[in-house]
PDB file of N, CA and C in Angstrom:
ATOM      1  N   MET A   1     -41.919  63.694 -48.609  1.00  0.00           N
ATOM      2  CA  MET A   1     -40.764  63.362 -49.392  1.00  0.00           C
ATOM      3  C   MET A   1     -39.651  64.350 -49.100  1.00  0.00           C
ATOM      4  N   ALA A   2     -38.413  63.845 -49.049  1.00  0.00           N
ATOM      5  CA  ALA A   2     -37.278  64.691 -48.706  1.00  0.00           C
ATOM      6  C   ALA A   2     -36.852  65.516 -49.916  1.00  0.00           C
ATOM      7  N   ALA A   3     -36.106  66.553 -49.628  1.00  0.00           N
ATOM      8  CA  ALA A   3     -35.597  67.418 -50.685  1.00  0.00           C
ATOM      9  C   ALA A   3     -34.579  66.657 -51.529  1.00  0.00           C
ATOM     10  N   PRO A   4     -34.419  67.005 -52.804  1.00  0.00           N
ATOM     11  CA  PRO A   4     -33.480  66.278 -53.667  1.00  0.00           C
ATOM     12  C   PRO A   4     -32.044  66.315 -53.153  1.00  0.00           C
ATOM     13  N   ASN A   5     -31.632  67.413 -52.524  1.00  0.00           N
ATOM     14  CA  ASN A   5     -30.270  67.491 -52.005  1.00  0.00           C
ATOM     15  C   ASN A   5     -30.051  66.500 -50.873  1.00  0.00           C
ATOM     16  N   ALA A   6     -31.076  66.264 -50.074  1.00  0.00           N
ATOM     17  CA  ALA A   6     -30.954  65.336 -48.955  1.00  0.00           C
ATOM     18  C   ALA A   6     -30.774  63.906 -49.457  1.00  0.00           C
ATOM     19  N   GLN A   7     -31.473  63.553 -50.550  1.00  0.00           N
ATOM     20  CA  GLN A   7     -31.344  62.204 -51.095  1.00  0.00           C
ATOM     21  C   GLN A   7     -29.938  61.961 -51.633  1.00  0.00           C
ATOM     22  N   GLN A   8     -29.372  62.929 -52.299  1.00  0.00           N
ATOM     23  CA  GLN A   8     -28.044  62.754 -52.869  1.00  0.00           C
ATOM     24  C   GLN A   8     -26.985  62.607 -51.787  1.00  0.00           C
ATOM     25  N   SER A   9     -27.129  63.283 -50.685  1.00  0.00           N
ATOM     26  CA  SER A   9     -26.134  63.195 -49.625  1.00  0.00           C
ATOM     27  C   SER A   9     -26.236  61.875 -48.862  1.00  0.00           C
ATOM     28  N   GLU A  10     -27.378  61.202 -48.963  1.00  0.00           N
ATOM     29  CA  GLU A  10     -27.566  59.950 -48.237  1.00  0.00           C
ATOM     30  C   GLU A  10     -27.198  58.724 -49.066  1.00  0.00           C
ATOM     31  N   ILE A  11     -26.703  58.921 -50.268  1.00  0.00           N
ATOM     32  CA  ILE A  11     -26.308  57.790 -51.087  1.00  0.00           C
ATOM     33  C   ILE A  11     -25.056  57.162 -50.473  1.00  0.00           C
ATOM     34  N   ARG A  12     -25.158  55.889 -50.209  1.00  0.00           N
ATOM     35  CA  ARG A  12     -24.030  55.179 -49.620  1.00  0.00           C
ATOM     36  C   ARG A  12     -23.702  53.985 -50.506  1.00  0.00           C
ATOM     37  N   TYR A  13     -22.427  53.723 -50.628  1.00  0.00           N
ATOM     38  CA  TYR A  13     -21.971  52.590 -51.413  1.00  0.00           C
ATOM     39  C   TYR A  13     -21.675  51.424 -50.484  1.00  0.00           C
ATOM     40  N   LEU A  14     -21.915  50.207 -50.967  1.00  0.00           N
ATOM     41  CA  LEU A  14     -21.620  49.031 -50.158  1.00  0.00           C
ATOM     42  C   LEU A  14     -20.123  48.903 -49.921  1.00  0.00           C
ATOM     43  N   ASN A  15     -19.351  49.146 -50.945  1.00  0.00           N
ATOM     44  CA  ASN A  15     -17.894  49.091 -50.829  1.00  0.00           C
ATOM     45  C   ASN A  15     -17.338  50.484 -51.090  1.00  0.00           C
ATOM     46  N   PRO A  16     -16.347  50.895 -50.333  1.00  0.00           N
ATOM     47  CA  PRO A  16     -15.771  52.213 -50.602  1.00  0.00           C
ATOM     48  C   PRO A  16     -15.116  52.254 -51.981  1.00  0.00           C
ATOM     49  N   VAL A  17     -15.219  53.374 -52.611  1.00  0.00           N
ATOM     50  CA  VAL A  17     -14.621  53.539 -53.921  1.00  0.00           C
ATOM     51  C   VAL A  17     -13.117  53.616 -53.743  1.00  0.00           C
ATOM     52  N   THR A  18     -12.414  52.697 -54.382  1.00  0.00           N
ATOM     53  CA  THR A  18     -10.960  52.655 -54.239  1.00  0.00           C
ATOM     54  C   THR A  18     -10.304  52.927 -55.577  1.00  0.00           C
ATOM     55  N   VAL A  19      -9.183  53.551 -55.518  1.00  0.00           N
ATOM     56  CA  VAL A  19      -8.387  53.798 -56.708  1.00  0.00           C
ATOM     57  C   VAL A  19      -7.125  52.966 -56.565  1.00  0.00           C
ATOM     58  N   ASP A  20      -6.909  52.056 -57.514  1.00  0.00           N
ATOM     59  CA  ASP A  20      -5.736  51.186 -57.446  1.00  0.00           C
ATOM     60  C   ASP A  20      -4.489  51.958 -57.848  1.00  0.00           C
ATOM     61  N   VAL A  21      -3.548  51.996 -56.931  1.00  0.00           N
ATOM     62  CA  VAL A  21      -2.248  52.591 -57.219  1.00  0.00           C
ATOM     63  C   VAL A  21      -1.245  51.449 -57.134  1.00  0.00           C
ATOM     64  N   ARG A  22      -0.884  50.913 -58.290  1.00  0.00           N
ATOM     65  CA  ARG A  22       0.003  49.755 -58.321  1.00  0.00           C
ATOM     66  C   ARG A  22       1.438  50.207 -58.524  1.00  0.00           C
ATOM     67  N   LYS A  23       2.326  49.499 -57.841  1.00  0.00           N
ATOM     68  CA  LYS A  23       3.737  49.765 -58.060  1.00  0.00           C
ATOM     69  C   LYS A  23       4.136  49.179 -59.408  1.00  0.00           C
ATOM     70  N   LYS A  24       5.034  49.838 -60.064  1.00  0.00           N
ATOM     71  CA  LYS A  24       5.510  49.349 -61.351  1.00  0.00           C
ATOM     72  C   LYS A  24       6.306  48.070 -61.136  1.00  0.00           C
ATOM     73  N   LYS A  25       5.979  47.053 -61.907  1.00  0.00           N
ATOM     74  CA  LYS A  25       6.698  45.795 -61.796  1.00  0.00           C
ATOM     75  C   LYS A  25       8.087  45.943 -62.407  1.00  0.00           C
ATOM     76  N   TYR A  26       9.039  45.272 -61.827  1.00  0.00           N
ATOM     77  CA  TYR A  26      10.403  45.324 -62.338  1.00  0.00           C
ATOM     78  C   TYR A  26      11.020  43.941 -62.218  1.00  0.00           C
ATOM     79  N   CYS A  27      11.991  43.706 -63.043  1.00  0.00           N
ATOM     80  CA  CYS A  27      12.717  42.441 -63.003  1.00  0.00           C
ATOM     81  C   CYS A  27      13.828  42.568 -61.961  1.00  0.00           C
ATOM     82  N   ARG A  28      13.725  41.801 -60.892  1.00  0.00           N
ATOM     83  CA  ARG A  28      14.709  41.915 -59.812  1.00  0.00           C
ATOM     84  C   ARG A  28      16.099  41.460 -60.264  1.00  0.00           C
ATOM     85  N   PHE A  29      16.162  40.646 -61.307  1.00  0.00           N
ATOM     86  CA  PHE A  29      17.456  40.184 -61.813  1.00  0.00           C
ATOM     87  C   PHE A  29      18.186  41.310 -62.532  1.00  0.00           C
ATOM     88  N   LYS A  30      17.458  42.033 -63.378  1.00  0.00           N
ATOM     89  CA  LYS A  30      18.076  43.147 -64.097  1.00  0.00           C
ATOM     90  C   LYS A  30      18.460  44.265 -63.134  1.00  0.00           C
ATOM     91  N   LYS A  31      17.609  44.507 -62.133  1.00  0.00           N
ATOM     92  CA  LYS A  31      17.882  45.583 -61.182  1.00  0.00           C
ATOM     93  C   LYS A  31      19.114  45.277 -60.336  1.00  0.00           C
ATOM     94  N   ALA A  32      19.260  44.012 -59.926  1.00  0.00           N
ATOM     95  CA  ALA A  32      20.394  43.625 -59.082  1.00  0.00           C
ATOM     96  C   ALA A  32      21.623  43.220 -59.895  1.00  0.00           C
ATOM     97  N   GLY A  33      21.473  43.097 -61.197  1.00  0.00           N
ATOM     98  CA  GLY A  33      22.608  42.720 -62.030  1.00  0.00           C
ATOM     99  C   GLY A  33      22.957  41.253 -61.951  1.00  0.00           C
ATOM    100  N   ILE A  34      21.979  40.399 -61.631  1.00  0.00           N
ATOM    101  CA  ILE A  34      22.214  38.958 -61.539  1.00  0.00           C
ATOM    102  C   ILE A  34      22.188  38.377 -62.945  1.00  0.00           C
ATOM    103  N   LYS A  35      23.196  37.583 -63.271  1.00  0.00           N
ATOM    104  CA  LYS A  35      23.265  36.988 -64.604  1.00  0.00           C
ATOM    105  C   LYS A  35      23.016  35.487 -64.581  1.00  0.00           C
ATOM    106  N   TYR A  36      23.179  34.852 -63.418  1.00  0.00           N
ATOM    107  CA  TYR A  36      23.039  33.405 -63.320  1.00  0.00           C
ATOM    108  C   TYR A  36      22.099  33.068 -62.167  1.00  0.00           C
ATOM    109  N   VAL A  37      21.124  32.217 -62.432  1.00  0.00           N
ATOM    110  CA  VAL A  37      20.192  31.769 -61.400  1.00  0.00           C
ATOM    111  C   VAL A  37      20.710  30.437 -60.880  1.00  0.00           C
ATOM    112  N   ASP A  38      21.104  30.406 -59.609  1.00  0.00           N
ATOM    113  CA  ASP A  38      21.716  29.216 -59.026  1.00  0.00           C
ATOM    114  C   ASP A  38      20.641  28.239 -58.562  1.00  0.00           C
ATOM    115  N   TYR A  39      20.640  27.037 -59.115  1.00  0.00           N
ATOM    116  CA  TYR A  39      19.648  26.034 -58.731  1.00  0.00           C
ATOM    117  C   TYR A  39      19.958  25.416 -57.378  1.00  0.00           C
ATOM    118  N   LYS A  40      21.153  25.679 -56.817  1.00  0.00           N
ATOM    119  CA  LYS A  40      21.537  25.099 -55.531  1.00  0.00           C
ATOM    120  C   LYS A  40      21.156  25.982 -54.351  1.00  0.00           C
ATOM    121  N   ASP A  41      20.446  27.087 -54.616  1.00  0.00           N
ATOM    122  CA  ASP A  41      20.043  28.015 -53.565  1.00  0.00           C
ATOM    123  C   ASP A  41      18.524  27.948 -53.378  1.00  0.00           C
ATOM    124  N   PRO A  42      18.034  27.039 -52.522  1.00  0.00           N
ATOM    125  CA  PRO A  42      16.586  26.854 -52.403  1.00  0.00           C
ATOM    126  C   PRO A  42      15.858  28.050 -51.797  1.00  0.00           C
ATOM    127  N   GLU A  43      16.502  28.788 -50.901  1.00  0.00           N
ATOM    128  CA  GLU A  43      15.826  29.932 -50.272  1.00  0.00           C
ATOM    129  C   GLU A  43      15.522  31.016 -51.302  1.00  0.00           C
ATOM    130  N   PHE A  44      16.420  31.229 -52.240  1.00  0.00           N
ATOM    131  CA  PHE A  44      16.184  32.218 -53.294  1.00  0.00           C
ATOM    132  C   PHE A  44      15.090  31.734 -54.242  1.00  0.00           C
ATOM    133  N   LEU A  45      15.117  30.449 -54.583  1.00  0.00           N
ATOM    134  CA  LEU A  45      14.130  29.911 -55.522  1.00  0.00           C
ATOM    135  C   LEU A  45      12.728  29.867 -54.914  1.00  0.00           C
ATOM    136  N   LYS A  46      12.623  29.779 -53.590  1.00  0.00           N
ATOM    137  CA  LYS A  46      11.306  29.748 -52.936  1.00  0.00           C
ATOM    138  C   LYS A  46      10.534  31.049 -53.136  1.00  0.00           C
ATOM    139  N   LYS A  47      11.232  32.135 -53.440  1.00  0.00           N
ATOM    140  CA  LYS A  47      10.560  33.409 -53.694  1.00  0.00           C
ATOM    141  C   LYS A  47       9.718  33.347 -54.965  1.00  0.00           C
ATOM    142  N   PHE A  48      10.026  32.392 -55.837  1.00  0.00           N
ATOM    143  CA  PHE A  48       9.306  32.271 -57.102  1.00  0.00           C
ATOM    144  C   PHE A  48       8.329  31.108 -57.100  1.00  0.00           C
ATOM    145  N   LEU A  49       8.044  30.542 -55.924  1.00  0.00           N
ATOM    146  CA  LEU A  49       7.102  29.436 -55.798  1.00  0.00           C
ATOM    147  C   LEU A  49       5.964  29.832 -54.866  1.00  0.00           C
ATOM    148  N   ASN A  50       4.781  29.256 -55.094  1.00  0.00           N
ATOM    149  CA  ASN A  50       3.684  29.501 -54.166  1.00  0.00           C
ATOM    150  C   ASN A  50       3.690  28.430 -53.077  1.00  0.00           C
ATOM    151  N   GLU A  51       2.654  28.401 -52.254  1.00  0.00           N
ATOM    152  CA  GLU A  51       2.622  27.487 -51.102  1.00  0.00           C
ATOM    153  C   GLU A  51       2.605  26.024 -51.525  1.00  0.00           C
ATOM    154  N   GLN A  52       2.032  25.736 -52.698  1.00  0.00           N
ATOM    155  CA  GLN A  52       1.972  24.349 -53.162  1.00  0.00           C
ATOM    156  C   GLN A  52       3.246  23.920 -53.875  1.00  0.00           C
ATOM    157  N   GLY A  53       4.140  24.860 -54.151  1.00  0.00           N
ATOM    158  CA  GLY A  53       5.377  24.533 -54.840  1.00  0.00           C
ATOM    159  C   GLY A  53       5.328  24.811 -56.330  1.00  0.00           C
ATOM    160  N   LYS A  54       4.259  25.461 -56.804  1.00  0.00           N
ATOM    161  CA  LYS A  54       4.159  25.784 -58.229  1.00  0.00           C
ATOM    162  C   LYS A  54       4.949  27.055 -58.527  1.00  0.00           C
ATOM    163  N   ILE A  55       5.469  27.136 -59.739  1.00  0.00           N
ATOM    164  CA  ILE A  55       6.229  28.317 -60.157  1.00  0.00           C
ATOM    165  C   ILE A  55       5.262  29.457 -60.430  1.00  0.00           C
ATOM    166  N   LEU A  56       5.540  30.623 -59.828  1.00  0.00           N
ATOM    167  CA  LEU A  56       4.672  31.780 -60.026  1.00  0.00           C
ATOM    168  C   LEU A  56       4.855  32.358 -61.426  1.00  0.00           C
ATOM    169  N   PRO A  57       3.778  32.847 -62.042  1.00  0.00           N
ATOM    170  CA  PRO A  57       3.893  33.394 -63.394  1.00  0.00           C
ATOM    171  C   PRO A  57       4.562  34.765 -63.406  1.00  0.00           C
ATOM    172  N   ARG A  58       4.984  35.176 -64.582  1.00  0.00           N
ATOM    173  CA  ARG A  58       5.670  36.463 -64.763  1.00  0.00           C
ATOM    174  C   ARG A  58       4.782  37.630 -64.367  1.00  0.00           C
ATOM    175  N   ARG A  59       3.493  37.519 -64.628  1.00  0.00           N
ATOM    176  CA  ARG A  59       2.599  38.647 -64.345  1.00  0.00           C
ATOM    177  C   ARG A  59       2.494  38.948 -62.855  1.00  0.00           C
ATOM    178  N   LEU A  60       2.828  37.982 -62.014  1.00  0.00           N
ATOM    179  CA  LEU A  60       2.809  38.216 -60.566  1.00  0.00           C
ATOM    180  C   LEU A  60       4.167  38.652 -60.038  1.00  0.00           C
ATOM    181  N   THR A  61       5.239  38.074 -60.562  1.00  0.00           N
ATOM    182  CA  THR A  61       6.565  38.378 -60.031  1.00  0.00           C
ATOM    183  C   THR A  61       7.213  39.571 -60.710  1.00  0.00           C
ATOM    184  N   GLY A  62       6.817  39.860 -61.968  1.00  0.00           N
ATOM    185  CA  GLY A  62       7.429  40.962 -62.692  1.00  0.00           C
ATOM    186  C   GLY A  62       8.750  40.595 -63.337  1.00  0.00           C
ATOM    187  N   THR A  63       9.099  39.326 -63.322  1.00  0.00           N
ATOM    188  CA  THR A  63      10.354  38.875 -63.897  1.00  0.00           C
ATOM    189  C   THR A  63      10.287  38.942 -65.419  1.00  0.00           C
ATOM    190  N   SER A  64      11.394  39.295 -66.054  1.00  0.00           N
ATOM    191  CA  SER A  64      11.427  39.339 -67.513  1.00  0.00           C
ATOM    192  C   SER A  64      11.401  37.916 -68.065  1.00  0.00           C
ATOM    193  N   GLN A  65      11.056  37.809 -69.341  1.00  0.00           N
ATOM    194  CA  GLN A  65      10.919  36.494 -69.955  1.00  0.00           C
ATOM    195  C   GLN A  65      12.231  35.716 -69.943  1.00  0.00           C
ATOM    196  N   LYS A  66      13.316  36.409 -70.182  1.00  0.00           N
ATOM    197  CA  LYS A  66      14.639  35.772 -70.200  1.00  0.00           C
ATOM    198  C   LYS A  66      14.937  35.113 -68.860  1.00  0.00           C
ATOM    199  N   PHE A  67      14.699  35.831 -67.772  1.00  0.00           N
ATOM    200  CA  PHE A  67      15.020  35.289 -66.455  1.00  0.00           C
ATOM    201  C   PHE A  67      13.936  34.355 -65.941  1.00  0.00           C
ATOM    202  N   GLN A  68      12.697  34.508 -66.418  1.00  0.00           N
ATOM    203  CA  GLN A  68      11.650  33.564 -66.024  1.00  0.00           C
ATOM    204  C   GLN A  68      11.994  32.167 -66.528  1.00  0.00           C
ATOM    205  N   LYS A  69      12.539  32.084 -67.738  1.00  0.00           N
ATOM    206  CA  LYS A  69      12.962  30.785 -68.272  1.00  0.00           C
ATOM    207  C   LYS A  69      14.098  30.209 -67.438  1.00  0.00           C
ATOM    208  N   LYS A  70      15.039  31.068 -67.024  1.00  0.00           N
ATOM    209  CA  LYS A  70      16.158  30.601 -66.206  1.00  0.00           C
ATOM    210  C   LYS A  70      15.690  30.152 -64.828  1.00  0.00           C
ATOM    211  N   VAL A  71      14.722  30.869 -64.249  1.00  0.00           N
ATOM    212  CA  VAL A  71      14.168  30.489 -62.946  1.00  0.00           C
ATOM    213  C   VAL A  71      13.454  29.151 -63.057  1.00  0.00           C
ATOM    214  N   ALA A  72      12.652  28.981 -64.113  1.00  0.00           N
ATOM    215  CA  ALA A  72      11.930  27.724 -64.294  1.00  0.00           C
ATOM    216  C   ALA A  72      12.901  26.560 -64.436  1.00  0.00           C
ATOM    217  N   GLN A  73      13.954  26.758 -65.203  1.00  0.00           N
ATOM    218  CA  GLN A  73      14.957  25.697 -65.393  1.00  0.00           C
ATOM    219  C   GLN A  73      15.662  25.386 -64.071  1.00  0.00           C
ATOM    220  N   ALA A  74      15.978  26.422 -63.297  1.00  0.00           N
ATOM    221  CA  ALA A  74      16.652  26.210 -62.009  1.00  0.00           C
ATOM    222  C   ALA A  74      15.748  25.480 -61.023  1.00  0.00           C
ATOM    223  N   VAL A  75      14.474  25.824 -61.006  1.00  0.00           N
ATOM    224  CA  VAL A  75      13.531  25.147 -60.106  1.00  0.00           C
ATOM    225  C   VAL A  75      13.394  23.686 -60.502  1.00  0.00           C
ATOM    226  N   LYS A  76      13.309  23.421 -61.789  1.00  0.00           N
ATOM    227  CA  LYS A  76      13.185  22.038 -62.252  1.00  0.00           C
ATOM    228  C   LYS A  76      14.427  21.218 -61.906  1.00  0.00           C
ATOM    229  N   ARG A  77      15.591  21.835 -62.033  1.00  0.00           N
ATOM    230  CA  ARG A  77      16.829  21.137 -61.666  1.00  0.00           C
ATOM    231  C   ARG A  77      16.877  20.869 -60.164  1.00  0.00           C
ATOM    232  N   ALA A  78      16.465  21.855 -59.375  1.00  0.00           N
ATOM    233  CA  ALA A  78      16.465  21.687 -57.915  1.00  0.00           C
ATOM    234  C   ALA A  78      15.474  20.609 -57.490  1.00  0.00           C
ATOM    235  N   ARG A  79      14.344  20.525 -58.176  1.00  0.00           N
ATOM    236  CA  ARG A  79      13.373  19.472 -57.866  1.00  0.00           C
ATOM    237  C   ARG A  79      13.961  18.102 -58.204  1.00  0.00           C
ATOM    238  N   HIS A  80      14.636  18.020 -59.324  1.00  0.00           N
ATOM    239  CA  HIS A  80      15.201  16.737 -59.760  1.00  0.00           C
ATOM    240  C   HIS A  80      16.264  16.245 -58.779  1.00  0.00           C
ATOM    241  N   LEU A  81      17.013  17.166 -58.189  1.00  0.00           N
ATOM    242  CA  LEU A  81      18.053  16.791 -57.222  1.00  0.00           C
ATOM    243  C   LEU A  81      17.533  16.756 -55.786  1.00  0.00           C
ATOM    244  N   ALA A  82      16.221  16.894 -55.614  1.00  0.00           N
ATOM    245  CA  ALA A  82      15.554  16.830 -54.298  1.00  0.00           C
ATOM    246  C   ALA A  82      15.965  17.978 -53.385  1.00  0.00           C
ATOM    247  N   ILE A  83      16.351  19.088 -53.957  1.00  0.00           N
ATOM    248  CA  ILE A  83      16.616  20.292 -53.159  1.00  0.00           C
ATOM    249  C   ILE A  83      15.289  20.990 -52.859  1.00  0.00           C
ATOM    250  N   LEU A  84      14.376  20.952 -53.834  1.00  0.00           N
ATOM    251  CA  LEU A  84      13.021  21.482 -53.667  1.00  0.00           C
ATOM    252  C   LEU A  84      12.031  20.346 -53.885  1.00  0.00           C
ATOM    253  N   PRO A  85      10.891  20.368 -53.181  1.00  0.00           N
ATOM    254  CA  PRO A  85       9.882  19.333 -53.409  1.00  0.00           C
ATOM    255  C   PRO A  85       9.078  19.614 -54.683  1.00  0.00           C
ATOM    256  N   PHE A  86       8.576  18.555 -55.302  1.00  0.00           N
ATOM    257  CA  PHE A  86       7.714  18.729 -56.465  1.00  0.00           C
ATOM    258  C   PHE A  86       6.362  19.293 -56.028  1.00  0.00           C
ATOM    259  N   VAL A  87       5.782  18.719 -54.971  1.00  0.00           N
ATOM    260  CA  VAL A  87       4.474  19.119 -54.474  1.00  0.00           C
ATOM    261  C   VAL A  87       4.531  19.117 -52.947  1.00  0.00           C
ATOM    262  N   THR A  88       3.842  20.083 -52.336  1.00  0.00           N
ATOM    263  CA  THR A  88       3.780  20.141 -50.874  1.00  0.00           C
ATOM    264  C   THR A  88       2.523  20.858 -50.443  1.00  0.00           C
ATOM    265  N   ASP A  89       2.126  20.685 -49.194  1.00  0.00           N
ATOM    266  CA  ASP A  89       0.953  21.379 -48.675  1.00  0.00           C
ATOM    267  C   ASP A  89       1.306  22.789 -48.231  1.00  0.00           C
ATOM    268  N   LEU A  90       2.346  22.916 -47.431  1.00  0.00           N
ATOM    269  CA  LEU A  90       2.776  24.226 -46.952  1.00  0.00           C
ATOM    270  C   LEU A  90       4.265  24.370 -47.162  1.00  0.00           C
ATOM    271  N   MET A  91       4.642  25.157 -48.151  1.00  0.00           N
ATOM    272  CA  MET A  91       6.060  25.322 -48.423  1.00  0.00           C
ATOM    273  C   MET A  91       6.639  26.465 -47.600  1.00  0.00           C
ATOM    274  N   LYS A  92       5.895  27.561 -47.497  1.00  0.00           N
ATOM    275  CA  LYS A  92       6.442  28.746 -46.832  1.00  0.00           C
ATOM    276  C   LYS A  92       5.977  28.830 -45.404  1.00  0.00           C
TER     277      LYS A  92
END
């Protein structure tokens, strides 16, 4: 049998121990001073949609509640005017 110190040094983990260092989420609208979300700008609105065309939640984008509502309204208006698709396979 090996010495106790040898056993402790041979302990290996399946996955490396990682420490999550997350960047602080911020509202890009407040930081940039944007007051109006333009529904006629599809490239800007695509930043808030996933590949299927669904609106990303606040917890992923970091957008404040006030601007998340404005983004959702702008996306819905753009979809209604056929600027953005309702559903798609690959948007980005």
